[in-house]
Amino acid sequence: MREYGQDGDSLVPQTLGGSTDIGNVSYVLPTMHVLFSISAQNKYFPHEVRFAAVAGTNEALKQAVTTGKGHAFLCWDCLSDDRFFADVKGNFEQKIAEAEAA
């Protein structure tokens, strides 16, 4: 995402709560559920009426396309770079082992 002028580590200063539709899949294979901002000025969250108004803007579309590109490149890296995927899988397996040991 840095290639698109975004630093994901600094965009969300804390962990946000909420539910996903991922379920137990994340215990079986590496999974990510990404949140991204659709407006620099308005920090509204999904399921708010104000969010719906901002979601239809050109700024929101640009953010969605940029985030989609980032996801596509990440998927490409996983599919085309065996070492990268092995690192992802190894990190996942380590985190699962740590969680099970806790």
PDB file of N, CA and C in Angstrom:
ATOM      1  N   MET A   1       0.821  -1.193   0.000  1.00  0.00           N
ATOM      2  CA  MET A   1       0.000   0.000   0.000  1.00  0.00           C
ATOM      3  C   MET A   1       0.864   1.255   0.000  1.00  0.00           C
ATOM      4  N   ARG A   2       2.093   1.105   0.454  1.00  0.00           N
ATOM      5  CA  ARG A   2       2.983   2.273   0.442  1.00  0.00           C
ATOM      6  C   ARG A   2       3.203   2.783  -0.980  1.00  0.00           C
ATOM      7  N   GLU A   3       3.160   1.883  -1.967  1.00  0.00           N
ATOM      8  CA  GLU A   3       3.314   2.295  -3.364  1.00  0.00           C
ATOM      9  C   GLU A   3       2.190   3.227  -3.798  1.00  0.00           C
ATOM     10  N   TYR A   4       1.073   3.183  -3.090  1.00  0.00           N
ATOM     11  CA  TYR A   4      -0.067   4.035  -3.395  1.00  0.00           C
ATOM     12  C   TYR A   4      -0.193   5.199  -2.415  1.00  0.00           C
ATOM     13  N   GLY A   5       0.884   5.462  -1.675  1.00  0.00           N
ATOM     14  CA  GLY A   5       0.893   6.601  -0.769  1.00  0.00           C
ATOM     15  C   GLY A   5       0.189   6.363   0.551  1.00  0.00           C
ATOM     16  N   GLN A   6      -0.024   5.108   0.926  1.00  0.00           N
ATOM     17  CA  GLN A   6      -0.709   4.801   2.173  1.00  0.00           C
ATOM     18  C   GLN A   6       0.166   3.910   3.041  1.00  0.00           C
ATOM     19  N   ASP A   7       0.175   4.219   4.318  1.00  0.00           N
ATOM     20  CA  ASP A   7       0.928   3.425   5.288  1.00  0.00           C
ATOM     21  C   ASP A   7      -0.082   2.797   6.230  1.00  0.00           C
ATOM     22  N   GLY A   8      -0.459   1.566   5.952  1.00  0.00           N
ATOM     23  CA  GLY A   8      -1.498   0.895   6.726  1.00  0.00           C
ATOM     24  C   GLY A   8      -1.233   0.827   8.208  1.00  0.00           C
ATOM     25  N   ASP A   9       0.035   0.756   8.603  1.00  0.00           N
ATOM     26  CA  ASP A   9       0.361   0.666  10.023  1.00  0.00           C
ATOM     27  C   ASP A   9      -0.017   1.924  10.782  1.00  0.00           C
ATOM     28  N   SER A  10      -0.033   3.057  10.108  1.00  0.00           N
ATOM     29  CA  SER A  10      -0.305   4.304  10.821  1.00  0.00           C
ATOM     30  C   SER A  10      -1.742   4.778  10.654  1.00  0.00           C
ATOM     31  N   LEU A  11      -2.525   4.111   9.832  1.00  0.00           N
ATOM     32  CA  LEU A  11      -3.870   4.597   9.578  1.00  0.00           C
ATOM     33  C   LEU A  11      -4.835   4.297  10.715  1.00  0.00           C
ATOM     34  N   VAL A  12      -4.650   3.186  11.402  1.00  0.00           N
ATOM     35  CA  VAL A  12      -5.535   2.818  12.506  1.00  0.00           C
ATOM     36  C   VAL A  12      -4.683   2.694  13.760  1.00  0.00           C
ATOM     37  N   PRO A  13      -4.804   3.660  14.673  1.00  0.00           N
ATOM     38  CA  PRO A  13      -3.935   3.646  15.852  1.00  0.00           C
ATOM     39  C   PRO A  13      -4.277   2.573  16.880  1.00  0.00           C
ATOM     40  N   GLN A  14      -5.451   1.975  16.787  1.00  0.00           N
ATOM     41  CA  GLN A  14      -5.823   0.957  17.761  1.00  0.00           C
ATOM     42  C   GLN A  14      -6.592  -0.150  17.051  1.00  0.00           C
ATOM     43  N   THR A  15      -6.732  -1.266  17.732  1.00  0.00           N
ATOM     44  CA  THR A  15      -7.509  -2.364  17.190  1.00  0.00           C
ATOM     45  C   THR A  15      -8.980  -2.014  17.298  1.00  0.00           C
ATOM     46  N   LEU A  16      -9.708  -2.221  16.223  1.00  0.00           N
ATOM     47  CA  LEU A  16     -11.138  -1.936  16.212  1.00  0.00           C
ATOM     48  C   LEU A  16     -11.913  -3.228  16.434  1.00  0.00           C
ATOM     49  N   GLY A  17     -12.994  -3.138  17.159  1.00  0.00           N
ATOM     50  CA  GLY A  17     -13.833  -4.301  17.384  1.00  0.00           C
ATOM     51  C   GLY A  17     -14.868  -4.438  16.288  1.00  0.00           C
ATOM     52  N   GLY A  18     -15.485  -5.574  16.233  1.00  0.00           N
ATOM     53  CA  GLY A  18     -16.524  -5.791  15.240  1.00  0.00           C
ATOM     54  C   GLY A  18     -16.529  -7.239  14.798  1.00  0.00           C
ATOM     55  N   SER A  19     -17.539  -7.593  14.058  1.00  0.00           N
ATOM     56  CA  SER A  19     -17.654  -8.971  13.599  1.00  0.00           C
ATOM     57  C   SER A  19     -17.266  -9.065  12.127  1.00  0.00           C
ATOM     58  N   THR A  20     -16.958 -10.273  11.705  1.00  0.00           N
ATOM     59  CA  THR A  20     -16.653 -10.543  10.304  1.00  0.00           C
ATOM     60  C   THR A  20     -17.468 -11.748   9.869  1.00  0.00           C
ATOM     61  N   ASP A  21     -17.434 -12.032   8.603  1.00  0.00           N
ATOM     62  CA  ASP A  21     -18.084 -13.234   8.082  1.00  0.00           C
ATOM     63  C   ASP A  21     -17.074 -14.353   7.861  1.00  0.00           C
ATOM     64  N   ILE A  22     -15.874 -14.191   8.405  1.00  0.00           N
ATOM     65  CA  ILE A  22     -14.807 -15.162   8.183  1.00  0.00           C
ATOM     66  C   ILE A  22     -15.027 -16.425   9.010  1.00  0.00           C
ATOM     67  N   GLY A  23     -15.527 -16.272  10.213  1.00  0.00           N
ATOM     68  CA  GLY A  23     -15.788 -17.427  11.064  1.00  0.00           C
ATOM     69  C   GLY A  23     -14.532 -18.195  11.412  1.00  0.00           C
ATOM     70  N   ASN A  24     -14.638 -19.512  11.457  1.00  0.00           N
ATOM     71  CA  ASN A  24     -13.516 -20.365  11.861  1.00  0.00           C
ATOM     72  C   ASN A  24     -12.482 -20.584  10.762  1.00  0.00           C
ATOM     73  N   VAL A  25     -12.718 -20.047   9.569  1.00  0.00           N
ATOM     74  CA  VAL A  25     -11.757 -20.200   8.474  1.00  0.00           C
ATOM     75  C   VAL A  25     -10.389 -19.700   8.898  1.00  0.00           C
ATOM     76  N   SER A  26     -10.363 -18.628   9.680  1.00  0.00           N
ATOM     77  CA  SER A  26      -9.083 -18.031  10.083  1.00  0.00           C
ATOM     78  C   SER A  26      -8.281 -18.924  11.021  1.00  0.00           C
ATOM     79  N   TYR A  27      -8.869 -20.003  11.502  1.00  0.00           N
ATOM     80  CA  TYR A  27      -8.126 -20.962  12.323  1.00  0.00           C
ATOM     81  C   TYR A  27      -7.520 -22.078  11.477  1.00  0.00           C
ATOM     82  N   VAL A  28      -7.874 -22.116  10.196  1.00  0.00           N
ATOM     83  CA  VAL A  28      -7.427 -23.184   9.315  1.00  0.00           C
ATOM     84  C   VAL A  28      -6.380 -22.706   8.302  1.00  0.00           C
ATOM     85  N   LEU A  29      -6.517 -21.477   7.824  1.00  0.00           N
ATOM     86  CA  LEU A  29      -5.573 -20.949   6.852  1.00  0.00           C
ATOM     87  C   LEU A  29      -5.413 -19.444   7.035  1.00  0.00           C
ATOM     88  N   PRO A  30      -4.291 -18.905   6.543  1.00  0.00           N
ATOM     89  CA  PRO A  30      -4.073 -17.460   6.695  1.00  0.00           C
ATOM     90  C   PRO A  30      -5.236 -16.671   6.107  1.00  0.00           C
ATOM     91  N   THR A  31      -5.721 -15.728   6.875  1.00  0.00           N
ATOM     92  CA  THR A  31      -6.905 -14.962   6.512  1.00  0.00           C
ATOM     93  C   THR A  31      -6.688 -13.508   6.878  1.00  0.00           C
ATOM     94  N   MET A  32      -7.249 -12.600   6.098  1.00  0.00           N
ATOM     95  CA  MET A  32      -7.222 -11.202   6.508  1.00  0.00           C
ATOM     96  C   MET A  32      -8.572 -10.573   6.224  1.00  0.00           C
ATOM     97  N   HIS A  33      -8.946  -9.680   7.089  1.00  0.00           N
ATOM     98  CA  HIS A  33     -10.179  -8.916   6.943  1.00  0.00           C
ATOM     99  C   HIS A  33      -9.769  -7.458   7.075  1.00  0.00           C
ATOM    100  N   VAL A  34      -9.790  -6.757   5.977  1.00  0.00           N
ATOM    101  CA  VAL A  34      -9.231  -5.407   5.929  1.00  0.00           C
ATOM    102  C   VAL A  34     -10.325  -4.358   6.020  1.00  0.00           C
ATOM    103  N   LEU A  35     -10.074  -3.363   6.834  1.00  0.00           N
ATOM    104  CA  LEU A  35     -10.901  -2.162   6.867  1.00  0.00           C
ATOM    105  C   LEU A  35     -10.097  -1.037   6.236  1.00  0.00           C
ATOM    106  N   PHE A  36     -10.758  -0.163   5.509  1.00  0.00           N
ATOM    107  CA  PHE A  36     -10.062   0.980   4.939  1.00  0.00           C
ATOM    108  C   PHE A  36     -10.961   2.201   4.997  1.00  0.00           C
ATOM    109  N   SER A  37     -10.337   3.345   5.098  1.00  0.00           N
ATOM    110  CA  SER A  37     -11.067   4.603   5.177  1.00  0.00           C
ATOM    111  C   SER A  37     -11.547   5.003   3.789  1.00  0.00           C
ATOM    112  N   ILE A  38     -12.755   5.523   3.700  1.00  0.00           N
ATOM    113  CA  ILE A  38     -13.256   5.995   2.412  1.00  0.00           C
ATOM    114  C   ILE A  38     -13.258   7.515   2.328  1.00  0.00           C
ATOM    115  N   SER A  39     -12.839   8.176   3.389  1.00  0.00           N
ATOM    116  CA  SER A  39     -12.815   9.639   3.384  1.00  0.00           C
ATOM    117  C   SER A  39     -11.789  10.134   4.379  1.00  0.00           C
ATOM    118  N   ALA A  40     -10.931  11.020   3.930  1.00  0.00           N
ATOM    119  CA  ALA A  40      -9.915  11.580   4.824  1.00  0.00           C
ATOM    120  C   ALA A  40     -10.536  12.517   5.854  1.00  0.00           C
ATOM    121  N   GLN A  41     -11.608  13.184   5.487  1.00  0.00           N
ATOM    122  CA  GLN A  41     -12.215  14.164   6.387  1.00  0.00           C
ATOM    123  C   GLN A  41     -13.239  13.556   7.344  1.00  0.00           C
ATOM    124  N   ASN A  42     -13.964  12.565   6.893  1.00  0.00           N
ATOM    125  CA  ASN A  42     -15.067  12.010   7.676  1.00  0.00           C
ATOM    126  C   ASN A  42     -14.731  10.606   8.148  1.00  0.00           C
ATOM    127  N   LYS A  43     -14.683  10.415   9.434  1.00  0.00           N
ATOM    128  CA  LYS A  43     -14.336   9.114  10.014  1.00  0.00           C
ATOM    129  C   LYS A  43     -15.601   8.370  10.438  1.00  0.00           C
ATOM    130  N   TYR A  44     -16.478   8.140   9.484  1.00  0.00           N
ATOM    131  CA  TYR A  44     -17.714   7.424   9.767  1.00  0.00           C
ATOM    132  C   TYR A  44     -17.494   5.928   9.575  1.00  0.00           C
ATOM    133  N   PHE A  45     -18.288   5.146  10.256  1.00  0.00           N
ATOM    134  CA  PHE A  45     -18.167   3.697  10.187  1.00  0.00           C
ATOM    135  C   PHE A  45     -19.365   3.106   9.444  1.00  0.00           C
ATOM    136  N   PRO A  46     -19.174   1.925   8.828  1.00  0.00           N
ATOM    137  CA  PRO A  46     -20.302   1.263   8.170  1.00  0.00           C
ATOM    138  C   PRO A  46     -21.486   1.133   9.133  1.00  0.00           C
ATOM    139  N   HIS A  47     -22.661   1.081   8.561  1.00  0.00           N
ATOM    140  CA  HIS A  47     -23.921   0.973   9.290  1.00  0.00           C
ATOM    141  C   HIS A  47     -24.346   2.302   9.908  1.00  0.00           C
ATOM    142  N   GLU A  48     -23.637   3.390   9.614  1.00  0.00           N
ATOM    143  CA  GLU A  48     -24.074   4.728  10.009  1.00  0.00           C
ATOM    144  C   GLU A  48     -24.684   5.394   8.778  1.00  0.00           C
ATOM    145  N   VAL A  49     -25.743   6.162   8.978  1.00  0.00           N
ATOM    146  CA  VAL A  49     -26.382   6.872   7.872  1.00  0.00           C
ATOM    147  C   VAL A  49     -25.379   7.800   7.192  1.00  0.00           C
ATOM    148  N   ARG A  50     -24.541   8.465   7.972  1.00  0.00           N
ATOM    149  CA  ARG A  50     -23.552   9.393   7.408  1.00  0.00           C
ATOM    150  C   ARG A  50     -22.554   8.658   6.516  1.00  0.00           C
ATOM    151  N   PHE A  51     -22.249   7.418   6.847  1.00  0.00           N
ATOM    152  CA  PHE A  51     -21.323   6.622   6.042  1.00  0.00           C
ATOM    153  C   PHE A  51     -21.886   6.403   4.640  1.00  0.00           C
ATOM    154  N   ALA A  52     -23.180   6.125   4.554  1.00  0.00           N
ATOM    155  CA  ALA A  52     -23.802   5.869   3.254  1.00  0.00           C
ATOM    156  C   ALA A  52     -23.652   7.064   2.319  1.00  0.00           C
ATOM    157  N   ALA A  53     -23.777   8.265   2.849  1.00  0.00           N
ATOM    158  CA  ALA A  53     -23.636   9.461   2.021  1.00  0.00           C
ATOM    159  C   ALA A  53     -22.209   9.617   1.508  1.00  0.00           C
ATOM    160  N   VAL A  54     -21.237   9.341   2.351  1.00  0.00           N
ATOM    161  CA  VAL A  54     -19.827   9.470   1.966  1.00  0.00           C
ATOM    162  C   VAL A  54     -19.428   8.342   1.014  1.00  0.00           C
ATOM    163  N   ALA A  55     -20.038   7.173   1.159  1.00  0.00           N
ATOM    164  CA  ALA A  55     -19.660   6.004   0.357  1.00  0.00           C
ATOM    165  C   ALA A  55     -19.892   6.213  -1.137  1.00  0.00           C
ATOM    166  N   GLY A  56     -20.772   7.107  -1.499  1.00  0.00           N
ATOM    167  CA  GLY A  56     -21.064   7.336  -2.910  1.00  0.00           C
ATOM    168  C   GLY A  56     -20.191   8.378  -3.581  1.00  0.00           C
ATOM    169  N   THR A  57     -19.165   8.851  -2.912  1.00  0.00           N
ATOM    170  CA  THR A  57     -18.329   9.920  -3.465  1.00  0.00           C
ATOM    171  C   THR A  57     -17.184   9.366  -4.314  1.00  0.00           C
ATOM    172  N   ASN A  58     -16.621  10.239  -5.141  1.00  0.00           N
ATOM    173  CA  ASN A  58     -15.456   9.853  -5.943  1.00  0.00           C
ATOM    174  C   ASN A  58     -14.265   9.503  -5.059  1.00  0.00           C
ATOM    175  N   GLU A  59     -14.112  10.207  -3.930  1.00  0.00           N
ATOM    176  CA  GLU A  59     -13.017   9.913  -3.002  1.00  0.00           C
ATOM    177  C   GLU A  59     -13.128   8.478  -2.480  1.00  0.00           C
ATOM    178  N   ALA A  60     -14.347   8.062  -2.128  1.00  0.00           N
ATOM    179  CA  ALA A  60     -14.556   6.699  -1.626  1.00  0.00           C
ATOM    180  C   ALA A  60     -14.248   5.667  -2.708  1.00  0.00           C
ATOM    181  N   LEU A  61     -14.660   5.945  -3.939  1.00  0.00           N
ATOM    182  CA  LEU A  61     -14.373   5.028  -5.042  1.00  0.00           C
ATOM    183  C   LEU A  61     -12.867   4.898  -5.244  1.00  0.00           C
ATOM    184  N   LYS A  62     -12.159   6.018  -5.190  1.00  0.00           N
ATOM    185  CA  LYS A  62     -10.702   5.989  -5.357  1.00  0.00           C
ATOM    186  C   LYS A  62     -10.053   5.137  -4.269  1.00  0.00           C
ATOM    187  N   GLN A  63     -10.501   5.301  -3.017  1.00  0.00           N
ATOM    188  CA  GLN A  63      -9.949   4.508  -1.913  1.00  0.00           C
ATOM    189  C   GLN A  63     -10.239   3.017  -2.103  1.00  0.00           C
ATOM    190  N   ALA A  64     -11.451   2.697  -2.545  1.00  0.00           N
ATOM    191  CA  ALA A  64     -11.815   1.291  -2.756  1.00  0.00           C
ATOM    192  C   ALA A  64     -10.968   0.664  -3.862  1.00  0.00           C
ATOM    193  N   VAL A  65     -10.761   1.394  -4.949  1.00  0.00           N
ATOM    194  CA  VAL A  65      -9.945   0.877  -6.051  1.00  0.00           C
ATOM    195  C   VAL A  65      -8.494   0.704  -5.605  1.00  0.00           C
ATOM    196  N   THR A  66      -7.963   1.680  -4.877  1.00  0.00           N
ATOM    197  CA  THR A  66      -6.588   1.586  -4.381  1.00  0.00           C
ATOM    198  C   THR A  66      -6.426   0.380  -3.465  1.00  0.00           C
ATOM    199  N   THR A  67      -7.374   0.181  -2.559  1.00  0.00           N
ATOM    200  CA  THR A  67      -7.316  -0.965  -1.649  1.00  0.00           C
ATOM    201  C   THR A  67      -7.426  -2.273  -2.425  1.00  0.00           C
ATOM    202  N   GLY A  68      -8.292  -2.307  -3.420  1.00  0.00           N
ATOM    203  CA  GLY A  68      -8.420  -3.497  -4.262  1.00  0.00           C
ATOM    204  C   GLY A  68      -7.128  -3.829  -4.992  1.00  0.00           C
ATOM    205  N   LYS A  69      -6.441  -2.803  -5.474  1.00  0.00           N
ATOM    206  CA  LYS A  69      -5.145  -3.026  -6.129  1.00  0.00           C
ATOM    207  C   LYS A  69      -4.145  -3.625  -5.144  1.00  0.00           C
ATOM    208  N   GLY A  70      -4.124  -3.101  -3.937  1.00  0.00           N
ATOM    209  CA  GLY A  70      -3.220  -3.643  -2.918  1.00  0.00           C
ATOM    210  C   GLY A  70      -3.500  -5.104  -2.637  1.00  0.00           C
ATOM    211  N   HIS A  71      -4.776  -5.460  -2.547  1.00  0.00           N
ATOM    212  CA  HIS A  71      -5.154  -6.859  -2.322  1.00  0.00           C
ATOM    213  C   HIS A  71      -4.721  -7.729  -3.496  1.00  0.00           C
ATOM    214  N   ALA A  72      -4.930  -7.230  -4.700  1.00  0.00           N
ATOM    215  CA  ALA A  72      -4.561  -8.001  -5.889  1.00  0.00           C
ATOM    216  C   ALA A  72      -3.062  -8.279  -5.917  1.00  0.00           C
ATOM    217  N   PHE A  73      -2.256  -7.271  -5.593  1.00  0.00           N
ATOM    218  CA  PHE A  73      -0.807  -7.479  -5.585  1.00  0.00           C
ATOM    219  C   PHE A  73      -0.383  -8.438  -4.474  1.00  0.00           C
ATOM    220  N   LEU A  74      -1.041  -8.365  -3.326  1.00  0.00           N
ATOM    221  CA  LEU A  74      -0.736  -9.308  -2.251  1.00  0.00           C
ATOM    222  C   LEU A  74      -1.061 -10.738  -2.691  1.00  0.00           C
ATOM    223  N   CYS A  75      -2.210 -10.913  -3.319  1.00  0.00           N
ATOM    224  CA  CYS A  75      -2.574 -12.245  -3.824  1.00  0.00           C
ATOM    225  C   CYS A  75      -1.569 -12.715  -4.869  1.00  0.00           C
ATOM    226  N   TRP A  76      -1.159 -11.823  -5.750  1.00  0.00           N
ATOM    227  CA  TRP A  76      -0.165 -12.192  -6.758  1.00  0.00           C
ATOM    228  C   TRP A  76       1.132 -12.644  -6.094  1.00  0.00           C
ATOM    229  N   ASP A  77       1.566 -11.908  -5.078  1.00  0.00           N
ATOM    230  CA  ASP A  77       2.785 -12.300  -4.362  1.00  0.00           C
ATOM    231  C   ASP A  77       2.646 -13.700  -3.771  1.00  0.00           C
ATOM    232  N   CYS A  78       1.484 -13.996  -3.193  1.00  0.00           N
ATOM    233  CA  CYS A  78       1.266 -15.326  -2.601  1.00  0.00           C
ATOM    234  C   CYS A  78       1.291 -16.422  -3.663  1.00  0.00           C
ATOM    235  N   LEU A  79       0.750 -16.129  -4.832  1.00  0.00           N
ATOM    236  CA  LEU A  79       0.677 -17.134  -5.895  1.00  0.00           C
ATOM    237  C   LEU A  79       1.974 -17.291  -6.680  1.00  0.00           C
ATOM    238  N   SER A  80       2.750 -16.233  -6.775  1.00  0.00           N
ATOM    239  CA  SER A  80       3.922 -16.268  -7.655  1.00  0.00           C
ATOM    240  C   SER A  80       5.261 -16.386  -6.930  1.00  0.00           C
ATOM    241  N   ASP A  81       5.260 -16.193  -5.615  1.00  0.00           N
ATOM    242  CA  ASP A  81       6.517 -16.201  -4.862  1.00  0.00           C
ATOM    243  C   ASP A  81       6.419 -17.250  -3.754  1.00  0.00           C
ATOM    244  N   ASP A  82       6.984 -18.418  -4.021  1.00  0.00           N
ATOM    245  CA  ASP A  82       6.881 -19.530  -3.070  1.00  0.00           C
ATOM    246  C   ASP A  82       7.482 -19.184  -1.710  1.00  0.00           C
ATOM    247  N   ARG A  83       8.563 -18.453  -1.708  1.00  0.00           N
ATOM    248  CA  ARG A  83       9.199 -18.090  -0.433  1.00  0.00           C
ATOM    249  C   ARG A  83       8.302 -17.141   0.371  1.00  0.00           C
ATOM    250  N   PHE A  84       7.719 -16.172  -0.301  1.00  0.00           N
ATOM    251  CA  PHE A  84       6.810 -15.247   0.372  1.00  0.00           C
ATOM    252  C   PHE A  84       5.646 -16.011   0.995  1.00  0.00           C
ATOM    253  N   PHE A  85       5.040 -16.909   0.212  1.00  0.00           N
ATOM    254  CA  PHE A  85       3.911 -17.674   0.735  1.00  0.00           C
ATOM    255  C   PHE A  85       4.329 -18.566   1.896  1.00  0.00           C
ATOM    256  N   ALA A  86       5.508 -19.157   1.805  1.00  0.00           N
ATOM    257  CA  ALA A  86       6.008 -19.991   2.905  1.00  0.00           C
ATOM    258  C   ALA A  86       6.189 -19.155   4.168  1.00  0.00           C
ATOM    259  N   ASP A  87       6.655 -17.921   4.022  1.00  0.00           N
ATOM    260  CA  ASP A  87       6.794 -17.025   5.178  1.00  0.00           C
ATOM    261  C   ASP A  87       5.432 -16.698   5.783  1.00  0.00           C
ATOM    262  N   VAL A  88       4.452 -16.413   4.930  1.00  0.00           N
ATOM    263  CA  VAL A  88       3.093 -16.121   5.404  1.00  0.00           C
ATOM    264  C   VAL A  88       2.540 -17.325   6.154  1.00  0.00           C
ATOM    265  N   LYS A  89       2.662 -18.494   5.547  1.00  0.00           N
ATOM    266  CA  LYS A  89       2.137 -19.717   6.167  1.00  0.00           C
ATOM    267  C   LYS A  89       2.859 -20.027   7.475  1.00  0.00           C
ATOM    268  N   GLY A  90       4.184 -19.859   7.498  1.00  0.00           N
ATOM    269  CA  GLY A  90       4.949 -20.109   8.722  1.00  0.00           C
ATOM    270  C   GLY A  90       4.556 -19.172   9.841  1.00  0.00           C
ATOM    271  N   ASN A  91       4.366 -17.895   9.516  1.00  0.00           N
ATOM    272  CA  ASN A  91       3.926 -16.921  10.516  1.00  0.00           C
ATOM    273  C   ASN A  91       2.542 -17.285  11.048  1.00  0.00           C
ATOM    274  N   PHE A  92       1.656 -17.688  10.148  1.00  0.00           N
ATOM    275  CA  PHE A  92       0.313 -18.103  10.542  1.00  0.00           C
ATOM    276  C   PHE A  92       0.367 -19.296  11.497  1.00  0.00           C
ATOM    277  N   GLU A  93       1.134 -20.313  11.137  1.00  0.00           N
ATOM    278  CA  GLU A  93       1.232 -21.509  11.974  1.00  0.00           C
ATOM    279  C   GLU A  93       1.825 -21.193  13.340  1.00  0.00           C
ATOM    280  N   GLN A  94       2.783 -20.282  13.387  1.00  0.00           N
ATOM    281  CA  GLN A  94       3.370 -19.864  14.663  1.00  0.00           C
ATOM    282  C   GLN A  94       2.333 -19.153  15.529  1.00  0.00           C
ATOM    283  N   LYS A  95       1.556 -18.256  14.932  1.00  0.00           N
ATOM    284  CA  LYS A  95       0.534 -17.524  15.696  1.00  0.00           C
ATOM    285  C   LYS A  95      -0.549 -18.467  16.216  1.00  0.00           C
ATOM    286  N   ILE A  96      -0.942 -19.436  15.417  1.00  0.00           N
ATOM    287  CA  ILE A  96      -1.949 -20.407  15.863  1.00  0.00           C
ATOM    288  C   ILE A  96      -1.393 -21.230  17.021  1.00  0.00           C
ATOM    289  N   ALA A  97      -0.152 -21.678  16.920  1.00  0.00           N
ATOM    290  CA  ALA A  97       0.467 -22.460  17.999  1.00  0.00           C
ATOM    291  C   ALA A  97       0.542 -21.641  19.282  1.00  0.00           C
ATOM    292  N   GLU A  98       0.900 -20.362  19.165  1.00  0.00           N
ATOM    293  CA  GLU A  98       0.962 -19.488  20.346  1.00  0.00           C
ATOM    294  C   GLU A  98      -0.420 -19.312  20.962  1.00  0.00           C
ATOM    295  N   ALA A  99      -1.434 -19.152  20.129  1.00  0.00           N
ATOM    296  CA  ALA A  99      -2.796 -18.977  20.639  1.00  0.00           C
ATOM    297  C   ALA A  99      -3.292 -20.244  21.328  1.00  0.00           C
ATOM    298  N   GLU A 100      -2.977 -21.386  20.770  1.00  0.00           N
ATOM    299  CA  GLU A 100      -3.404 -22.650  21.373  1.00  0.00           C
ATOM    300  C   GLU A 100      -2.677 -22.925  22.681  1.00  0.00           C
ATOM    301  N   ALA A 101      -1.444 -22.449  22.802  1.00  0.00           N
ATOM    302  CA  ALA A 101      -0.656 -22.670  24.024  1.00  0.00           C
ATOM    303  C   ALA A 101      -1.074 -21.731  25.153  1.00  0.00           C
ATOM    304  N   ALA A 102      -1.703 -20.638  24.812  1.00  0.00           N
ATOM    305  CA  ALA A 102      -2.083 -19.638  25.833  1.00  0.00           C
ATOM    306  C   ALA A 102      -3.263 -20.084  26.664  1.00  0.00           C
TER     307      ALA A 102
END
